[in-house]
Amino acid sequence: MDRVEQQQQLGRALEQVKLPAGILIRAWAEEDFPAIQRLSQAEGWTSPSQRSADSLRAWQNSWPALVALKNDAVVGFVRALTDGAITMYIADLLVDVHTRNAGIGRTLLETCHQLYPTTRLDLLAADGSRAFYEACGYRLMHDGMRKSYI
């Protein structure tokens, strides 16, 4: 799917979503990457800074890849991968600590769902975010596995 098709798909999805006051959601752009790195670093996520080129390539190859803006500043993001039919994997979801509890994370997830309404959303969650995901209707799955090579 090319960028124009993604924008059209996103426009249709956003018609189904109620945005929090003062928040705009749009497809990420490469000029957003420094803000994504800053937010990630503040959260203690090291890959976007320590593996900058790989992380940028991951963003370039992901869809949906969205940012949430407040006053033209990136205050949140979601990066996902999907087969378009059954599964969407949420690889990254983060909202700036100063704008949390305003519905931004929930809205980013809802937008992903509206982009591909037949898919289930799967993700790995840190212990500190478990209550958030449960409040969004996610359930704990005990059979997840991961192996890192770097």
C-alpha atoms as a PDB file:
ATOM      1  CA  MET A   1       0.000   0.000   0.000  1.00  0.00           C
ATOM      2  CA  ASP A   2       1.483   3.354  -0.982  1.00  0.00           C
ATOM      3  CA  ARG A   3       1.463   6.544   1.075  1.00  0.00           C
ATOM      4  CA  VAL A   4      -1.610   7.996  -0.704  1.00  0.00           C
ATOM      5  CA  GLU A   5      -3.621   4.832  -0.043  1.00  0.00           C
ATOM      6  CA  GLN A   6      -2.500   4.855   3.595  1.00  0.00           C
ATOM      7  CA  GLN A   7      -3.642   8.485   3.976  1.00  0.00           C
ATOM      8  CA  GLN A   8      -7.030   7.674   2.459  1.00  0.00           C
ATOM      9  CA  GLN A   9      -7.421   4.611   4.674  1.00  0.00           C
ATOM     10  CA  LEU A  10      -6.421   6.639   7.731  1.00  0.00           C
ATOM     11  CA  GLY A  11      -8.911   9.385   6.865  1.00  0.00           C
ATOM     12  CA  ARG A  12     -11.739   6.833   6.744  1.00  0.00           C
ATOM     13  CA  ALA A  13     -10.613   5.246  10.031  1.00  0.00           C
ATOM     14  CA  LEU A  14     -10.391   8.594  11.822  1.00  0.00           C
ATOM     15  CA  GLU A  15     -14.003   9.332  10.870  1.00  0.00           C
ATOM     16  CA  GLN A  16     -14.910   6.461  13.219  1.00  0.00           C
ATOM     17  CA  VAL A  17     -12.779   7.670  16.146  1.00  0.00           C
ATOM     18  CA  LYS A  18     -13.465  10.397  18.696  1.00  0.00           C
ATOM     19  CA  LEU A  19     -10.218  12.289  19.188  1.00  0.00           C
ATOM     20  CA  PRO A  20      -9.315  13.747  22.574  1.00  0.00           C
ATOM     21  CA  ALA A  21      -9.598  17.544  22.699  1.00  0.00           C
ATOM     22  CA  GLY A  22      -6.641  19.270  21.039  1.00  0.00           C
ATOM     23  CA  ILE A  23      -5.186  16.032  19.638  1.00  0.00           C
ATOM     24  CA  LEU A  24      -4.527  15.267  15.979  1.00  0.00           C
ATOM     25  CA  ILE A  25      -3.564  11.809  14.757  1.00  0.00           C
ATOM     26  CA  ARG A  26      -1.748  11.361  11.462  1.00  0.00           C
ATOM     27  CA  ALA A  27       0.585   8.962   9.715  1.00  0.00           C
ATOM     28  CA  TRP A  28       4.134   9.340  10.965  1.00  0.00           C
ATOM     29  CA  ALA A  29       6.673  11.108   8.773  1.00  0.00           C
ATOM     30  CA  GLU A  30      10.434  10.785   8.853  1.00  0.00           C
ATOM     31  CA  GLU A  31      10.763  14.236  10.415  1.00  0.00           C
ATOM     32  CA  ASP A  32       8.882  12.803  13.455  1.00  0.00           C
ATOM     33  CA  PHE A  33      11.683  10.340  14.194  1.00  0.00           C
ATOM     34  CA  PRO A  34      13.683  12.664  16.523  1.00  0.00           C
ATOM     35  CA  ALA A  35      10.536  13.161  18.634  1.00  0.00           C
ATOM     36  CA  ILE A  36       9.951   9.397  18.659  1.00  0.00           C
ATOM     37  CA  GLN A  37      13.544   8.953  19.833  1.00  0.00           C
ATOM     38  CA  ARG A  38      13.113  11.574  22.593  1.00  0.00           C
ATOM     39  CA  LEU A  39       9.883  10.055  23.900  1.00  0.00           C
ATOM     40  CA  SER A  40      11.392   6.576  23.774  1.00  0.00           C
ATOM     41  CA  GLN A  41      14.537   7.673  25.603  1.00  0.00           C
ATOM     42  CA  ALA A  42      12.463   9.357  28.318  1.00  0.00           C
ATOM     43  CA  GLU A  43      10.642   6.051  28.815  1.00  0.00           C
ATOM     44  CA  GLY A  44      13.931   4.121  29.000  1.00  0.00           C
ATOM     45  CA  TRP A  45      13.509   2.492  25.593  1.00  0.00           C
ATOM     46  CA  THR A  46      16.999   2.367  24.123  1.00  0.00           C
ATOM     47  CA  SER A  47      16.581   0.896  20.620  1.00  0.00           C
ATOM     48  CA  PRO A  48      15.521   4.118  18.826  1.00  0.00           C
ATOM     49  CA  SER A  49      18.661   5.862  20.073  1.00  0.00           C
ATOM     50  CA  GLN A  50      21.212   3.058  20.280  1.00  0.00           C
ATOM     51  CA  ARG A  51      20.056   1.406  17.049  1.00  0.00           C
ATOM     52  CA  SER A  52      18.900   4.523  15.270  1.00  0.00           C
ATOM     53  CA  ALA A  53      19.276   3.306  11.669  1.00  0.00           C
ATOM     54  CA  ASP A  54      17.546  -0.005  12.424  1.00  0.00           C
ATOM     55  CA  SER A  55      14.749   1.737  14.314  1.00  0.00           C
ATOM     56  CA  LEU A  56      14.206   4.222  11.510  1.00  0.00           C
ATOM     57  CA  ARG A  57      14.021   1.348   9.034  1.00  0.00           C
ATOM     58  CA  ALA A  58      11.487  -0.389  11.308  1.00  0.00           C
ATOM     59  CA  TRP A  59       9.290   2.721  11.229  1.00  0.00           C
ATOM     60  CA  GLN A  60       9.663   3.000   7.458  1.00  0.00           C
ATOM     61  CA  ASN A  61       8.517  -0.600   7.016  1.00  0.00           C
ATOM     62  CA  SER A  62       5.610  -0.543   9.480  1.00  0.00           C
ATOM     63  CA  TRP A  63       1.939   0.175   8.972  1.00  0.00           C
ATOM     64  CA  PRO A  64       0.031   1.449  10.808  1.00  0.00           C
ATOM     65  CA  ALA A  65       2.639   3.891  12.061  1.00  0.00           C
ATOM     66  CA  LEU A  66       0.915   6.898  13.597  1.00  0.00           C
ATOM     67  CA  VAL A  67       1.730   9.904  15.734  1.00  0.00           C
ATOM     68  CA  ALA A  68      -0.480  11.917  18.043  1.00  0.00           C
ATOM     69  CA  LEU A  69       0.104  15.673  18.017  1.00  0.00           C
ATOM     70  CA  LYS A  70      -0.790  18.392  20.478  1.00  0.00           C
ATOM     71  CA  ASN A  71       0.047  21.936  19.402  1.00  0.00           C
ATOM     72  CA  ASP A  72       2.083  20.472  16.517  1.00  0.00           C
ATOM     73  CA  ALA A  73       4.312  18.494  18.917  1.00  0.00           C
ATOM     74  CA  VAL A  74       4.453  14.694  18.914  1.00  0.00           C
ATOM     75  CA  VAL A  75       3.011  13.534  22.244  1.00  0.00           C
ATOM     76  CA  GLY A  76       2.433   9.886  21.394  1.00  0.00           C
ATOM     77  CA  PHE A  77       2.901   7.208  18.785  1.00  0.00           C
ATOM     78  CA  VAL A  78       1.981   3.711  17.763  1.00  0.00           C
ATOM     79  CA  ARG A  79       3.864   1.420  15.401  1.00  0.00           C
ATOM     80  CA  ALA A  80       2.230  -1.801  14.258  1.00  0.00           C
ATOM     81  CA  LEU A  81       2.469  -4.616  11.727  1.00  0.00           C
ATOM     82  CA  THR A  82      -0.489  -6.437  10.214  1.00  0.00           C
ATOM     83  CA  ASP A  83      -1.495  -9.090   7.728  1.00  0.00           C
ATOM     84  CA  GLY A  84      -4.614  -6.984   7.135  1.00  0.00           C
ATOM     85  CA  ALA A  85      -7.063  -9.769   7.863  1.00  0.00           C
ATOM     86  CA  ILE A  86      -6.517 -11.608  11.138  1.00  0.00           C
ATOM     87  CA  THR A  87      -3.693 -10.176  13.227  1.00  0.00           C
ATOM     88  CA  MET A  88      -2.184  -6.806  13.973  1.00  0.00           C
ATOM     89  CA  TYR A  89       0.837  -6.720  16.249  1.00  0.00           C
ATOM     90  CA  ILE A  90       1.354  -3.516  18.194  1.00  0.00           C
ATOM     91  CA  ALA A  91       5.128  -3.183  18.275  1.00  0.00           C
ATOM     92  CA  ASP A  92       5.313   0.196  20.061  1.00  0.00           C
ATOM     93  CA  LEU A  93       2.781   2.397  21.828  1.00  0.00           C
ATOM     94  CA  LEU A  94       3.906   5.349  23.899  1.00  0.00           C
ATOM     95  CA  VAL A  95       2.372   8.568  25.174  1.00  0.00           C
ATOM     96  CA  ASP A  96       4.401  11.360  26.729  1.00  0.00           C
ATOM     97  CA  VAL A  97       4.213  11.163  30.511  1.00  0.00           C
ATOM     98  CA  HIS A  98       2.859  14.754  30.672  1.00  0.00           C
ATOM     99  CA  THR A  99      -0.122  13.978  28.426  1.00  0.00           C
ATOM    100  CA  ARG A 100      -1.122  10.561  29.755  1.00  0.00           C
ATOM    101  CA  ASN A 101      -4.641   9.888  31.031  1.00  0.00           C
ATOM    102  CA  ALA A 102      -6.157  12.045  28.293  1.00  0.00           C
ATOM    103  CA  GLY A 103      -7.241   9.126  26.082  1.00  0.00           C
ATOM    104  CA  ILE A 104      -4.399   9.427  23.578  1.00  0.00           C
ATOM    105  CA  GLY A 105      -3.098   5.856  23.881  1.00  0.00           C
ATOM    106  CA  ARG A 106      -6.610   4.430  23.749  1.00  0.00           C
ATOM    107  CA  THR A 107      -7.343   6.555  20.664  1.00  0.00           C
ATOM    108  CA  LEU A 108      -4.174   5.409  18.890  1.00  0.00           C
ATOM    109  CA  LEU A 109      -5.189   1.777  19.501  1.00  0.00           C
ATOM    110  CA  GLU A 110      -8.766   2.449  18.384  1.00  0.00           C
ATOM    111  CA  THR A 111      -7.468   4.068  15.196  1.00  0.00           C
ATOM    112  CA  CYS A 112      -5.382   0.955  14.473  1.00  0.00           C
ATOM    113  CA  HIS A 113      -8.489  -1.165  14.995  1.00  0.00           C
ATOM    114  CA  GLN A 114     -10.559   1.036  12.672  1.00  0.00           C
ATOM    115  CA  LEU A 115      -7.878   0.743   9.976  1.00  0.00           C
ATOM    116  CA  TYR A 116      -8.264  -3.058  10.046  1.00  0.00           C
ATOM    117  CA  PRO A 117     -11.524  -3.809  11.883  1.00  0.00           C
ATOM    118  CA  THR A 118     -11.366  -7.596  11.355  1.00  0.00           C
ATOM    119  CA  THR A 119      -7.956  -8.025  12.976  1.00  0.00           C
ATOM    120  CA  ARG A 120      -7.218  -8.804  16.565  1.00  0.00           C
ATOM    121  CA  LEU A 121      -4.597  -6.635  18.235  1.00  0.00           C
ATOM    122  CA  ASP A 122      -1.731  -8.502  19.887  1.00  0.00           C
ATOM    123  CA  LEU A 123       1.056  -6.917  21.918  1.00  0.00           C
ATOM    124  CA  LEU A 124       3.642  -7.330  24.608  1.00  0.00           C
ATOM    125  CA  ALA A 125       3.167  -5.079  27.616  1.00  0.00           C
ATOM    126  CA  ALA A 126       5.463  -3.972  30.389  1.00  0.00           C
ATOM    127  CA  ASP A 127       4.180  -4.614  33.908  1.00  0.00           C
ATOM    128  CA  GLY A 128       3.548  -0.900  34.407  1.00  0.00           C
ATOM    129  CA  SER A 129       1.191  -0.729  31.421  1.00  0.00           C
ATOM    130  CA  ARG A 130      -0.866  -3.821  32.185  1.00  0.00           C
ATOM    131  CA  ALA A 131      -3.674  -1.913  33.936  1.00  0.00           C
ATOM    132  CA  PHE A 132      -3.973   0.437  30.952  1.00  0.00           C
ATOM    133  CA  TYR A 133      -4.364  -2.427  28.479  1.00  0.00           C
ATOM    134  CA  GLU A 134      -6.810  -4.250  30.717  1.00  0.00           C
ATOM    135  CA  ALA A 135      -8.895  -1.050  30.953  1.00  0.00           C
ATOM    136  CA  CYS A 136      -8.887  -1.000  27.132  1.00  0.00           C
ATOM    137  CA  GLY A 137     -10.318  -4.533  27.044  1.00  0.00           C
ATOM    138  CA  TYR A 138      -7.151  -6.559  26.485  1.00  0.00           C
ATOM    139  CA  ARG A 139      -6.666  -9.840  28.299  1.00  0.00           C
ATOM    140  CA  LEU A 140      -3.460 -11.408  29.544  1.00  0.00           C
ATOM    141  CA  MET A 141      -2.018 -14.187  27.402  1.00  0.00           C
ATOM    142  CA  HIS A 142       0.534 -16.427  29.094  1.00  0.00           C
ATOM    143  CA  ASP A 143       2.004 -18.052  26.023  1.00  0.00           C
ATOM    144  CA  GLY A 144       4.082 -15.191  24.563  1.00  0.00           C
ATOM    145  CA  MET A 145       7.758 -15.784  23.847  1.00  0.00           C
ATOM    146  CA  ARG A 146      10.684 -13.647  22.649  1.00  0.00           C
ATOM    147  CA  LYS A 147      14.320 -14.219  21.748  1.00  0.00           C
ATOM    148  CA  SER A 148      16.608 -11.254  21.123  1.00  0.00           C
ATOM    149  CA  TYR A 149      19.699 -11.567  18.951  1.00  0.00           C
ATOM    150  CA  ILE A 150      21.300  -8.208  19.680  1.00  0.00           C
END
